[in-house]
């Protein structure tokens, strides 16, 4: 249970750190790039035997695809940061957790690797998850005026949680596919380090281009903000994997509870630290999100 709680805490910490970036004038993209440097270093510290990397075939198809996954990492993380800053921490958490719908659908209809028969209640849960996302993304114009200079731009903020939903869901689907196809069960940490290293290469290349071509200035606060972010970023997944192992790798049991706790803790933390207030539709979205996750995995929850 300790691993479970640590996974939730570090995931929520991710959202809260990115939410604070505008206050400290941290450039989100620069921070995201250096976040992956910190992820790689954190992963190496937690790897029991670094000699395992001598066995990696760096030119193989699996390794190259894993490194290419880094591009999706950077994209998803940028969207998470924008959603947390311009909409709310709760909406970001909602979009991220509801994105489990995408890997579930791919598992059912594309990979066909589901280990249970989906019932009408399970499918109802998937539909409610999409409704919950829509309700969580709706912002009042007053909220928009605080984060944008024009009402039209404010009304368009709903697109950020939607994009975060699809980016995170696609990310998780690719992680599930690549890790299961190319890596043995004991090399999940190696897989994540290689993927983060790919994100370092891709993100750094884009950053250098921006500095040379557009004169972007790299500030120390953005570097430090990214390095700080990378620690909870890697640890959130690390402890989640340990929690999965502790519960017999029952992903259908662990992920719903993890997602529910993450959403609730995110909402409470954002209210306490940033005084974020949810409108009525957002509150209903949060309630439906919890109900959706329960319906999707009620068999494993013994309900």
Protein backbone atom coordinates (compact mmCIF):
# COMPACT_ATOMS: atom_id res chain seq x y z
CA UNK A 1 0.00 0.00 0.00
CA UNK A 2 2.96 2.34 0.62
CA UNK A 3 4.01 2.09 -3.05
CA UNK A 4 0.42 2.82 -4.03
CA UNK A 5 0.26 6.02 -1.98
CA UNK A 6 3.71 7.18 -3.13
CA UNK A 7 2.67 6.76 -6.78
CA UNK A 8 -0.39 8.97 -6.18
CA UNK A 9 1.59 11.59 -4.24
CA UNK A 10 4.31 11.94 -6.90
CA UNK A 11 1.75 12.08 -9.71
CA UNK A 12 -0.15 14.90 -8.00
CA UNK A 13 3.16 16.64 -7.27
CA UNK A 14 3.81 16.69 -11.02
CA UNK A 15 0.65 18.67 -11.69
CA UNK A 16 1.27 21.07 -8.82
CA UNK A 17 4.85 21.84 -9.89
CA UNK A 18 3.81 22.61 -13.46
CA UNK A 19 0.92 24.71 -12.17
CA UNK A 20 3.48 26.87 -10.33
CA UNK A 21 5.69 27.55 -13.37
CA UNK A 22 4.02 30.83 -14.45
CA UNK A 23 4.37 32.24 -10.92
CA UNK A 24 8.15 31.76 -11.05
CA UNK A 25 8.46 32.66 -14.76
CA UNK A 26 9.65 29.19 -15.74
CA UNK A 27 9.54 28.44 -19.46
CA UNK A 28 7.44 25.25 -19.71
CA UNK A 29 9.15 23.84 -22.80
CA UNK A 30 12.64 24.41 -21.46
CA UNK A 31 11.61 22.80 -18.16
CA UNK A 32 10.07 19.80 -19.92
CA UNK A 33 13.30 19.18 -21.84
CA UNK A 34 15.49 19.26 -18.71
CA UNK A 35 12.91 17.25 -16.83
CA UNK A 36 13.90 14.26 -18.93
CA UNK A 37 17.58 14.71 -18.07
CA UNK A 38 16.52 14.38 -14.44
CA UNK A 39 14.31 11.39 -15.29
CA UNK A 40 17.25 9.54 -16.82
CA UNK A 41 19.50 10.32 -13.84
CA UNK A 42 16.81 9.27 -11.36
CA UNK A 43 16.26 6.05 -13.25
CA UNK A 44 19.98 5.26 -13.30
CA UNK A 45 20.21 5.81 -9.54
CA UNK A 46 17.31 3.38 -9.01
CA UNK A 47 18.72 0.73 -11.37
CA UNK A 48 20.30 -2.03 -9.23
CA UNK A 49 22.80 -3.17 -11.85
CA UNK A 50 23.83 -0.71 -14.56
CA UNK A 51 25.48 -3.52 -16.50
CA UNK A 52 22.04 -4.35 -17.86
CA UNK A 53 22.51 -1.49 -20.37
CA UNK A 54 25.46 -3.31 -21.93
CA UNK A 55 22.95 -5.91 -23.10
CA UNK A 56 20.75 -3.35 -24.87
CA UNK A 57 20.91 -3.58 -28.67
CA UNK A 58 20.81 0.13 -29.44
CA UNK A 59 20.31 -0.32 -33.18
CA UNK A 60 17.45 -2.80 -32.82
CA UNK A 61 13.88 -2.04 -33.89
CA UNK A 62 12.56 -2.12 -30.32
CA UNK A 63 15.17 0.30 -28.99
CA UNK A 64 14.74 2.75 -31.88
CA UNK A 65 10.94 2.75 -31.49
CA UNK A 66 11.31 3.25 -27.75
CA UNK A 67 13.56 6.25 -28.28
CA UNK A 68 11.12 7.63 -30.85
CA UNK A 69 8.46 7.39 -28.15
CA UNK A 70 10.34 10.28 -26.53
CA UNK A 71 8.69 12.65 -29.03
CA UNK A 72 5.30 11.63 -27.66
CA UNK A 73 6.60 12.08 -24.12
CA UNK A 74 7.58 15.70 -24.84
CA UNK A 75 4.28 16.46 -26.58
CA UNK A 76 2.14 14.96 -23.82
CA UNK A 77 4.09 16.72 -21.08
CA UNK A 78 3.79 20.10 -22.79
CA UNK A 79 0.02 19.65 -23.00
CA UNK A 80 -0.16 18.60 -19.35
CA UNK A 81 1.71 21.77 -18.38
CA UNK A 82 -0.47 24.06 -20.50
CA UNK A 83 -3.68 22.50 -19.18
CA UNK A 84 -2.55 22.78 -15.55
CA UNK A 85 -1.56 26.43 -16.02
CA UNK A 86 -4.40 27.72 -18.19
CA UNK A 87 -7.34 25.57 -17.09
CA UNK A 88 -6.81 23.87 -13.71
CA UNK A 89 -4.93 21.10 -11.94
CA UNK A 90 -8.19 19.18 -11.53
CA UNK A 91 -8.98 19.32 -15.26
CA UNK A 92 -5.44 18.11 -16.02
CA UNK A 93 -5.75 15.21 -13.61
CA UNK A 94 -9.20 14.39 -14.97
CA UNK A 95 -7.99 14.33 -18.58
CA UNK A 96 -4.92 12.27 -17.70
CA UNK A 97 -6.82 9.69 -15.68
CA UNK A 98 -9.76 9.42 -18.07
CA UNK A 99 -7.29 8.68 -20.86
CA UNK A 100 -7.25 5.08 -19.64
CA UNK A 101 -10.20 4.70 -22.01
CA UNK A 102 -7.82 4.76 -24.99
CA UNK A 103 -5.51 1.87 -23.98
CA UNK A 104 -8.59 -0.07 -22.82
CA UNK A 105 -10.24 0.32 -26.23
CA UNK A 106 -7.02 -0.60 -28.03
CA UNK A 107 -6.64 -3.63 -25.80
CA UNK A 108 -10.21 -4.70 -26.59
CA UNK A 109 -10.43 -4.11 -30.31
CA UNK A 110 -6.87 -3.82 -31.68
CA UNK A 111 -4.42 -5.81 -29.54
CA UNK A 112 -7.18 -8.10 -28.20
CA UNK A 113 -5.16 -8.73 -25.06
CA UNK A 114 -7.92 -8.15 -22.51
CA UNK A 115 -8.16 -10.81 -19.82
CA UNK A 116 -11.87 -10.44 -19.14
CA UNK A 117 -15.18 -10.19 -20.98
CA UNK A 118 -16.50 -6.65 -21.05
CA UNK A 119 -20.11 -6.26 -19.88
CA UNK A 120 -22.67 -3.55 -20.51
CA UNK A 121 -21.58 -1.85 -17.27
CA UNK A 122 -17.96 -1.77 -18.46
CA UNK A 123 -18.97 -0.11 -21.72
CA UNK A 124 -21.19 2.32 -19.83
CA UNK A 125 -18.13 3.26 -17.80
CA UNK A 126 -16.21 4.08 -20.99
CA UNK A 127 -19.03 6.35 -22.17
CA UNK A 128 -19.27 8.07 -18.79
CA UNK A 129 -15.50 8.64 -18.88
CA UNK A 130 -15.87 10.67 -22.07
CA UNK A 131 -18.79 12.62 -20.60
CA UNK A 132 -16.75 13.30 -17.46
CA UNK A 133 -13.88 14.62 -19.58
CA UNK A 134 -16.23 16.98 -21.42
CA UNK A 135 -17.73 18.32 -18.18
CA UNK A 136 -14.32 18.74 -16.59
CA UNK A 137 -13.07 20.73 -19.58
CA UNK A 138 -15.85 23.35 -19.54
CA UNK A 139 -14.72 26.67 -18.09
CA UNK A 140 -16.75 29.77 -17.31
CA UNK A 141 -15.81 32.95 -19.10
CA UNK A 142 -14.75 34.51 -15.80
CA UNK A 143 -12.13 31.80 -15.37
CA UNK A 144 -10.96 32.33 -18.91
CA UNK A 145 -10.52 36.05 -18.39
CA UNK A 146 -7.99 35.33 -15.66
CA UNK A 147 -5.73 33.37 -17.97
CA UNK A 148 -6.23 34.98 -21.38
CA UNK A 149 -6.62 38.46 -22.78
CA UNK A 150 -9.56 37.75 -25.05
CA UNK A 151 -12.85 36.00 -24.44
CA UNK A 152 -12.55 34.01 -27.66
CA UNK A 153 -9.22 32.56 -26.56
CA UNK A 154 -10.70 31.84 -23.16
CA UNK A 155 -13.62 29.94 -24.60
CA UNK A 156 -11.20 27.79 -26.59
CA UNK A 157 -9.43 26.53 -23.46
CA UNK A 158 -11.63 23.42 -23.48
CA UNK A 159 -9.39 22.04 -26.24
CA UNK A 160 -6.41 21.70 -23.87
CA UNK A 161 -7.91 18.97 -21.63
CA UNK A 162 -9.14 17.16 -24.75
CA UNK A 163 -5.69 17.22 -26.34
CA UNK A 164 -4.16 16.12 -23.03
CA UNK A 165 -6.64 13.25 -22.92
CA UNK A 166 -5.67 12.00 -26.39
CA UNK A 167 -1.92 12.60 -25.96
CA UNK A 168 -1.77 10.83 -22.60
CA UNK A 169 -3.95 7.96 -23.81
CA UNK A 170 -1.83 7.49 -26.92
CA UNK A 171 1.29 7.65 -24.78
CA UNK A 172 0.04 4.95 -22.42
CA UNK A 173 -1.08 2.78 -25.33
CA UNK A 174 2.35 2.95 -26.95
CA UNK A 175 4.07 2.30 -23.61
CA UNK A 176 1.93 -0.80 -23.07
CA UNK A 177 2.54 -2.05 -26.61
CA UNK A 178 6.29 -1.42 -26.82
CA UNK A 179 7.12 -2.60 -23.29
CA UNK A 180 5.16 -5.84 -23.69
CA UNK A 181 6.51 -6.59 -27.18
CA UNK A 182 10.19 -5.74 -26.81
CA UNK A 183 11.05 -5.92 -23.09
CA UNK A 184 10.88 -8.72 -20.51
CA UNK A 185 8.97 -8.09 -17.29
CA UNK A 186 12.11 -7.28 -15.31
CA UNK A 187 13.28 -4.57 -17.72
CA UNK A 188 10.46 -2.04 -17.43
CA UNK A 189 12.79 0.46 -15.75
CA UNK A 190 15.30 0.00 -18.57
CA UNK A 191 12.49 0.62 -21.06
CA UNK A 192 11.50 3.87 -19.36
CA UNK A 193 15.10 5.11 -19.17
CA UNK A 194 15.59 4.47 -22.89
CA UNK A 195 12.31 6.25 -23.69
CA UNK A 196 13.32 9.22 -21.52
CA UNK A 197 16.73 9.28 -23.20
CA UNK A 198 14.90 9.53 -26.52
CA UNK A 199 12.93 12.46 -25.10
CA UNK A 200 16.23 14.09 -24.09
CA UNK A 201 17.60 13.81 -27.64
CA UNK A 202 14.41 15.04 -29.32
CA UNK A 203 13.68 17.80 -26.83
CA UNK A 204 17.26 19.06 -26.78
CA UNK A 205 17.37 19.16 -30.60
CA UNK A 206 14.22 21.29 -30.69
CA UNK A 207 15.52 23.52 -27.91
CA UNK A 208 18.84 24.13 -29.70
CA UNK A 209 16.95 24.98 -32.90
CA UNK A 210 14.79 27.48 -31.02
CA UNK A 211 17.83 29.09 -29.42
CA UNK A 212 19.73 29.40 -32.73
CA UNK A 213 16.85 30.19 -35.09
CA UNK A 214 14.57 32.23 -32.84
CA UNK A 215 16.92 33.60 -30.23
CA UNK A 216 15.28 31.88 -27.26
CA UNK A 217 17.16 32.51 -24.04
CA UNK A 218 17.71 29.65 -21.62
CA UNK A 219 17.23 30.76 -18.01
CA UNK A 220 18.64 29.00 -14.98
CA UNK A 221 15.21 28.95 -13.30
CA UNK A 222 13.78 26.97 -16.21
CA UNK A 223 16.63 24.45 -16.00
CA UNK A 224 16.19 24.05 -12.25
CA UNK A 225 12.41 23.83 -12.62
CA UNK A 226 12.82 21.01 -15.12
CA UNK A 227 15.36 19.12 -13.04
CA UNK A 228 13.02 19.39 -10.05
CA UNK A 229 10.08 18.12 -12.11
CA UNK A 230 11.94 15.08 -13.42
CA UNK A 231 12.28 13.45 -10.01
CA UNK A 232 8.53 13.07 -9.27
CA UNK A 233 7.94 12.36 -12.95
CA UNK A 234 10.08 9.23 -12.88
CA UNK A 235 9.18 8.25 -9.31
CA UNK A 236 5.45 8.38 -10.05
CA UNK A 237 5.87 5.61 -12.63
CA UNK A 238 8.51 3.79 -10.59
CA UNK A 239 6.27 3.41 -7.55
CA UNK A 240 3.28 2.60 -9.72
CA UNK A 241 5.23 -0.33 -11.19
CA UNK A 242 6.17 -1.45 -7.67
CA UNK A 243 2.52 -1.22 -6.63
CA UNK A 244 1.54 -3.36 -9.61
CA UNK A 245 4.08 -5.98 -8.60
CA UNK A 246 2.83 -5.89 -5.00
CA UNK A 247 -0.72 -6.57 -6.17
CA UNK A 248 0.22 -9.43 -8.50
CA UNK A 249 0.43 -7.23 -11.62
CA UNK A 250 -3.36 -6.82 -11.56
CA UNK A 251 -3.47 -3.66 -13.68
CA UNK A 252 -7.26 -3.75 -13.88
CA UNK A 253 -7.37 -3.53 -10.07
CA UNK A 254 -4.51 -1.12 -9.45
CA UNK A 255 -5.12 1.50 -12.16
CA UNK A 256 -8.76 2.31 -11.32
CA UNK A 257 -7.97 2.88 -7.64
CA UNK A 258 -4.81 4.81 -8.55
CA UNK A 259 -6.74 7.02 -10.97
CA UNK A 260 -9.56 7.71 -8.52
CA UNK A 261 -7.15 8.65 -5.72
CA UNK A 262 -5.07 10.83 -8.06
CA UNK A 263 -8.11 12.81 -9.20
CA UNK A 264 -9.45 13.35 -5.69
CA UNK A 265 -6.06 14.28 -4.18
CA UNK A 266 -5.36 16.62 -7.12
CA UNK A 267 -8.64 18.45 -6.60
CA UNK A 268 -8.04 18.83 -2.86
CA UNK A 269 -4.39 19.91 -3.27
CA UNK A 270 -5.25 22.46 -5.99
CA UNK A 271 -7.96 23.93 -3.76
CA UNK A 272 -5.63 24.18 -0.77
CA UNK A 273 -2.55 25.52 -2.58
CA UNK A 274 -3.95 27.50 -5.51
CA UNK A 275 -7.51 28.19 -4.38
CA UNK A 276 -8.84 26.57 -7.54
CA UNK A 277 -12.60 26.40 -7.57
CA UNK A 278 -14.65 23.98 -9.62
CA UNK A 279 -17.84 25.08 -11.31
CA UNK A 280 -20.93 22.89 -11.07
CA UNK A 281 -20.20 21.07 -14.33
CA UNK A 282 -16.62 20.38 -13.25
CA UNK A 283 -17.86 18.87 -9.98
CA UNK A 284 -20.26 16.61 -11.85
CA UNK A 285 -17.40 15.65 -14.15
CA UNK A 286 -15.32 14.60 -11.16
CA UNK A 287 -18.18 12.53 -9.76
CA UNK A 288 -18.81 10.87 -13.13
CA UNK A 289 -15.08 10.17 -13.48
CA UNK A 290 -15.04 8.22 -10.24
CA UNK A 291 -18.20 6.34 -11.27
CA UNK A 292 -16.75 5.62 -14.72
CA UNK A 293 -13.56 4.08 -13.34
CA UNK A 294 -15.57 1.95 -10.91
CA UNK A 295 -17.81 0.69 -13.73
CA UNK A 296 -14.87 -0.04 -16.03
CA UNK A 297 -13.24 -2.30 -13.43
CA UNK A 298 -16.02 -3.27 -11.03
CA UNK A 299 -15.24 -6.98 -11.45
CA UNK A 300 -11.72 -6.50 -10.09
CA UNK A 301 -12.99 -4.27 -7.29
CA UNK A 302 -15.36 -7.07 -6.17
CA UNK A 303 -18.41 -4.82 -6.37
